[in-house]
Amino acid sequence: MRITVQYLTQLKQAAGRQTESVELPENADIAQLLDVVADKHSARMRQLLFSSDGSVLPAILIFVNDQQVRLRGFNPLREGDDVTLLSPIAGG
């Protein structure tokens, strides 16, 4: 199935683009999508998405079709879903 991924903040820089289509197997979930995205891009992308133990960083904000979701309890992605990934922004 094809999913559209939009990257914001540092993730956009790590991906080298703002939007892309990603092909996933049927019934893939958010964690699988993040793993595919991390493999597709730089080591920096993996650092922005995952902790050293391989778990998704809790500060990553994930939106599916403009609705914020959590990794746990979210149904599998569906063909044509739009996923937006946002990493935390620090500043002063």
N, C-alpha and C. Protein backbone atom coordinates (compact mmCIF):
# COMPACT_ATOMS: atom_id res chain seq x y z
N MET A 1 0.85 -1.18 0.00
CA MET A 1 0.00 0.00 0.00
C MET A 1 0.89 1.23 0.00
N ARG A 2 0.37 2.31 -0.51
CA ARG A 2 1.15 3.56 -0.60
C ARG A 2 0.63 4.56 0.44
N ILE A 3 1.58 5.12 1.18
CA ILE A 3 1.33 6.11 2.23
C ILE A 3 2.10 7.37 1.86
N THR A 4 1.51 8.53 2.07
CA THR A 4 2.22 9.79 1.89
C THR A 4 2.74 10.25 3.24
N VAL A 5 4.03 10.57 3.29
CA VAL A 5 4.65 11.01 4.53
C VAL A 5 5.11 12.45 4.36
N GLN A 6 4.74 13.28 5.32
CA GLN A 6 5.18 14.67 5.35
C GLN A 6 6.12 14.83 6.54
N TYR A 7 7.26 15.45 6.29
CA TYR A 7 8.26 15.66 7.34
C TYR A 7 8.28 17.13 7.71
N LEU A 8 8.34 17.40 8.99
CA LEU A 8 8.45 18.78 9.47
C LEU A 8 9.68 18.90 10.36
N THR A 9 10.13 20.11 10.55
CA THR A 9 11.27 20.47 11.40
C THR A 9 12.53 19.70 10.98
N GLN A 10 13.24 19.15 11.95
CA GLN A 10 14.52 18.48 11.68
C GLN A 10 14.35 17.24 10.80
N LEU A 11 13.20 16.62 10.86
CA LEU A 11 12.97 15.43 10.04
C LEU A 11 12.97 15.78 8.55
N LYS A 12 12.48 16.96 8.23
CA LYS A 12 12.50 17.41 6.83
C LYS A 12 13.94 17.55 6.34
N GLN A 13 14.79 18.08 7.18
CA GLN A 13 16.20 18.22 6.81
C GLN A 13 16.86 16.86 6.66
N ALA A 14 16.57 15.94 7.57
CA ALA A 14 17.18 14.61 7.52
C ALA A 14 16.71 13.82 6.30
N ALA A 15 15.46 14.02 5.89
CA ALA A 15 14.92 13.33 4.72
C ALA A 15 15.37 13.99 3.42
N GLY A 16 15.71 15.26 3.50
CA GLY A 16 16.08 15.99 2.29
C GLY A 16 14.89 16.36 1.42
N ARG A 17 13.71 16.29 2.00
CA ARG A 17 12.47 16.63 1.29
C ARG A 17 11.37 16.83 2.30
N GLN A 18 10.30 17.45 1.87
CA GLN A 18 9.18 17.68 2.77
C GLN A 18 8.15 16.56 2.70
N THR A 19 7.97 15.98 1.52
CA THR A 19 6.94 14.97 1.32
C THR A 19 7.48 13.85 0.44
N GLU A 20 7.01 12.63 0.70
CA GLU A 20 7.33 11.51 -0.18
C GLU A 20 6.29 10.41 -0.02
N SER A 21 6.21 9.55 -1.01
CA SER A 21 5.36 8.37 -0.95
C SER A 21 6.21 7.20 -0.47
N VAL A 22 5.63 6.38 0.39
CA VAL A 22 6.32 5.21 0.91
C VAL A 22 5.44 4.00 0.68
N GLU A 23 6.03 2.95 0.17
CA GLU A 23 5.31 1.70 -0.07
C GLU A 23 5.49 0.79 1.15
N LEU A 24 4.37 0.29 1.67
CA LEU A 24 4.37 -0.57 2.85
C LEU A 24 3.52 -1.81 2.58
N PRO A 25 3.78 -2.91 3.31
CA PRO A 25 2.90 -4.07 3.18
C PRO A 25 1.53 -3.77 3.79
N GLU A 26 0.51 -4.50 3.36
CA GLU A 26 -0.82 -4.34 3.93
C GLU A 26 -0.76 -4.54 5.45
N ASN A 27 -1.60 -3.82 6.17
CA ASN A 27 -1.71 -3.89 7.63
C ASN A 27 -0.46 -3.42 8.37
N ALA A 28 0.41 -2.67 7.70
CA ALA A 28 1.58 -2.11 8.38
C ALA A 28 1.11 -1.08 9.40
N ASP A 29 1.88 -0.93 10.45
CA ASP A 29 1.53 0.05 11.48
C ASP A 29 2.53 1.20 11.47
N ILE A 30 2.33 2.13 12.38
CA ILE A 30 3.18 3.33 12.45
C ILE A 30 4.64 2.95 12.70
N ALA A 31 4.88 2.02 13.62
CA ALA A 31 6.26 1.62 13.94
C ALA A 31 6.96 1.07 12.70
N GLN A 32 6.25 0.29 11.89
CA GLN A 32 6.84 -0.24 10.66
C GLN A 32 7.13 0.89 9.68
N LEU A 33 6.23 1.85 9.58
CA LEU A 33 6.47 2.99 8.71
C LEU A 33 7.73 3.74 9.14
N LEU A 34 7.86 4.00 10.43
CA LEU A 34 9.03 4.72 10.92
C LEU A 34 10.32 3.96 10.64
N ASP A 35 10.28 2.65 10.76
CA ASP A 35 11.46 1.84 10.48
C ASP A 35 11.84 1.92 9.00
N VAL A 36 10.85 1.87 8.11
CA VAL A 36 11.10 2.00 6.67
C VAL A 36 11.69 3.37 6.36
N VAL A 37 11.12 4.41 6.95
CA VAL A 37 11.61 5.77 6.73
C VAL A 37 13.05 5.91 7.23
N ALA A 38 13.35 5.37 8.39
CA ALA A 38 14.71 5.45 8.94
C ALA A 38 15.70 4.71 8.04
N ASP A 39 15.31 3.55 7.53
CA ASP A 39 16.20 2.80 6.63
C ASP A 39 16.42 3.51 5.31
N LYS A 40 15.42 4.22 4.86
CA LYS A 40 15.46 4.88 3.56
C LYS A 40 16.36 6.12 3.56
N HIS A 41 16.51 6.73 4.72
CA HIS A 41 17.25 7.99 4.81
C HIS A 41 18.51 7.84 5.65
N SER A 42 19.05 8.94 6.08
CA SER A 42 20.34 8.99 6.76
C SER A 42 20.28 8.42 8.18
N ALA A 43 21.47 8.19 8.72
CA ALA A 43 21.58 7.78 10.12
C ALA A 43 20.99 8.86 11.02
N ARG A 44 21.06 10.09 10.58
CA ARG A 44 20.47 11.20 11.35
C ARG A 44 18.97 11.00 11.52
N MET A 45 18.30 10.53 10.47
CA MET A 45 16.87 10.27 10.55
C MET A 45 16.58 9.23 11.63
N ARG A 46 17.37 8.16 11.65
CA ARG A 46 17.17 7.12 12.67
C ARG A 46 17.37 7.70 14.07
N GLN A 47 18.35 8.56 14.25
CA GLN A 47 18.61 9.19 15.56
C GLN A 47 17.45 10.08 15.99
N LEU A 48 16.81 10.72 15.03
CA LEU A 48 15.69 11.61 15.34
C LEU A 48 14.42 10.84 15.68
N LEU A 49 14.31 9.61 15.19
CA LEU A 49 13.09 8.83 15.39
C LEU A 49 13.18 7.79 16.51
N PHE A 50 14.37 7.21 16.71
CA PHE A 50 14.51 6.08 17.63
C PHE A 50 15.56 6.33 18.70
N SER A 51 15.33 5.78 19.89
CA SER A 51 16.32 5.83 20.96
C SER A 51 17.37 4.75 20.70
N SER A 52 18.41 4.72 21.51
CA SER A 52 19.49 3.76 21.31
C SER A 52 19.03 2.32 21.49
N ASP A 53 17.94 2.09 22.22
CA ASP A 53 17.43 0.72 22.40
C ASP A 53 16.45 0.31 21.29
N GLY A 54 16.24 1.19 20.30
CA GLY A 54 15.40 0.86 19.16
C GLY A 54 13.94 1.24 19.30
N SER A 55 13.56 1.81 20.44
CA SER A 55 12.17 2.22 20.61
C SER A 55 11.97 3.62 20.02
N VAL A 56 10.74 3.87 19.57
CA VAL A 56 10.42 5.18 19.00
C VAL A 56 10.49 6.23 20.10
N LEU A 57 11.13 7.34 19.81
CA LEU A 57 11.22 8.41 20.80
C LEU A 57 9.83 8.94 21.13
N PRO A 58 9.53 9.07 22.42
CA PRO A 58 8.18 9.51 22.81
C PRO A 58 7.86 10.94 22.41
N ALA A 59 8.87 11.75 22.13
CA ALA A 59 8.63 13.15 21.78
C ALA A 59 8.20 13.34 20.33
N ILE A 60 8.32 12.31 19.50
CA ILE A 60 7.92 12.42 18.10
C ILE A 60 6.40 12.53 18.03
N LEU A 61 5.93 13.55 17.34
CA LEU A 61 4.49 13.72 17.14
C LEU A 61 4.11 13.11 15.81
N ILE A 62 3.05 12.32 15.83
CA ILE A 62 2.61 11.59 14.63
C ILE A 62 1.14 11.92 14.38
N PHE A 63 0.86 12.33 13.15
CA PHE A 63 -0.50 12.63 12.74
C PHE A 63 -0.85 11.75 11.55
N VAL A 64 -2.02 11.13 11.59
CA VAL A 64 -2.53 10.36 10.46
C VAL A 64 -3.81 11.04 10.01
N ASN A 65 -3.77 11.52 8.77
CA ASN A 65 -4.92 12.25 8.21
C ASN A 65 -5.35 13.39 9.14
N ASP A 66 -4.38 14.15 9.62
CA ASP A 66 -4.58 15.34 10.46
C ASP A 66 -5.06 15.05 11.87
N GLN A 67 -5.03 13.79 12.30
CA GLN A 67 -5.40 13.45 13.67
C GLN A 67 -4.17 12.89 14.38
N GLN A 68 -3.83 13.48 15.53
CA GLN A 68 -2.67 13.00 16.27
C GLN A 68 -2.94 11.60 16.80
N VAL A 69 -1.95 10.72 16.65
CA VAL A 69 -2.09 9.33 17.10
C VAL A 69 -0.91 8.95 17.98
N ARG A 70 -1.11 7.88 18.71
CA ARG A 70 -0.06 7.27 19.53
C ARG A 70 0.30 5.93 18.89
N LEU A 71 1.49 5.46 19.18
CA LEU A 71 1.90 4.17 18.63
C LEU A 71 1.03 3.04 19.14
N ARG A 72 0.77 3.04 20.43
CA ARG A 72 -0.04 1.98 21.02
C ARG A 72 -1.52 2.26 20.77
N GLY A 73 -2.23 1.24 20.39
CA GLY A 73 -3.66 1.37 20.23
C GLY A 73 -4.12 1.94 18.90
N PHE A 74 -3.19 2.24 18.01
CA PHE A 74 -3.59 2.77 16.71
C PHE A 74 -3.78 1.62 15.73
N ASN A 75 -4.87 1.65 14.99
CA ASN A 75 -5.14 0.63 13.99
C ASN A 75 -4.11 0.70 12.87
N PRO A 76 -3.97 -0.38 12.10
CA PRO A 76 -3.01 -0.36 10.99
C PRO A 76 -3.30 0.78 10.01
N LEU A 77 -2.25 1.21 9.35
CA LEU A 77 -2.41 2.23 8.31
C LEU A 77 -3.21 1.66 7.15
N ARG A 78 -3.79 2.58 6.37
CA ARG A 78 -4.59 2.17 5.21
C ARG A 78 -4.05 2.85 3.96
N GLU A 79 -4.30 2.23 2.84
CA GLU A 79 -3.92 2.79 1.55
C GLU A 79 -4.36 4.24 1.47
N GLY A 80 -3.43 5.12 1.06
CA GLY A 80 -3.75 6.52 0.86
C GLY A 80 -3.67 7.40 2.11
N ASP A 81 -3.36 6.81 3.26
CA ASP A 81 -3.22 7.64 4.47
C ASP A 81 -2.12 8.67 4.29
N ASP A 82 -2.32 9.83 4.90
CA ASP A 82 -1.31 10.88 4.96
C ASP A 82 -0.76 10.92 6.37
N VAL A 83 0.53 10.70 6.52
CA VAL A 83 1.17 10.69 7.84
C VAL A 83 2.11 11.87 7.91
N THR A 84 1.98 12.66 8.97
CA THR A 84 2.87 13.78 9.21
C THR A 84 3.72 13.47 10.44
N LEU A 85 5.03 13.66 10.31
CA LEU A 85 5.97 13.40 11.41
C LEU A 85 6.62 14.71 11.82
N LEU A 86 6.63 14.95 13.11
CA LEU A 86 7.14 16.20 13.66
C LEU A 86 8.06 15.89 14.82
N SER A 87 9.29 16.33 14.75
CA SER A 87 10.21 16.17 15.87
C SER A 87 10.14 17.42 16.75
N PRO A 88 10.50 17.29 18.01
CA PRO A 88 10.41 18.43 18.93
C PRO A 88 11.35 19.56 18.48
N ILE A 89 10.95 20.75 18.82
CA ILE A 89 11.75 21.94 18.48
C ILE A 89 12.23 22.55 19.78
N ALA A 90 13.52 22.80 19.85
CA ALA A 90 14.09 23.45 21.04
C ALA A 90 14.52 24.85 20.64
N GLY A 91 14.46 25.73 21.56
CA GLY A 91 14.88 27.09 21.26
C GLY A 91 14.78 27.96 22.49
N GLY A 92 15.13 29.18 22.30
CA GLY A 92 15.12 30.05 23.45
C GLY A 92 14.67 31.42 23.14
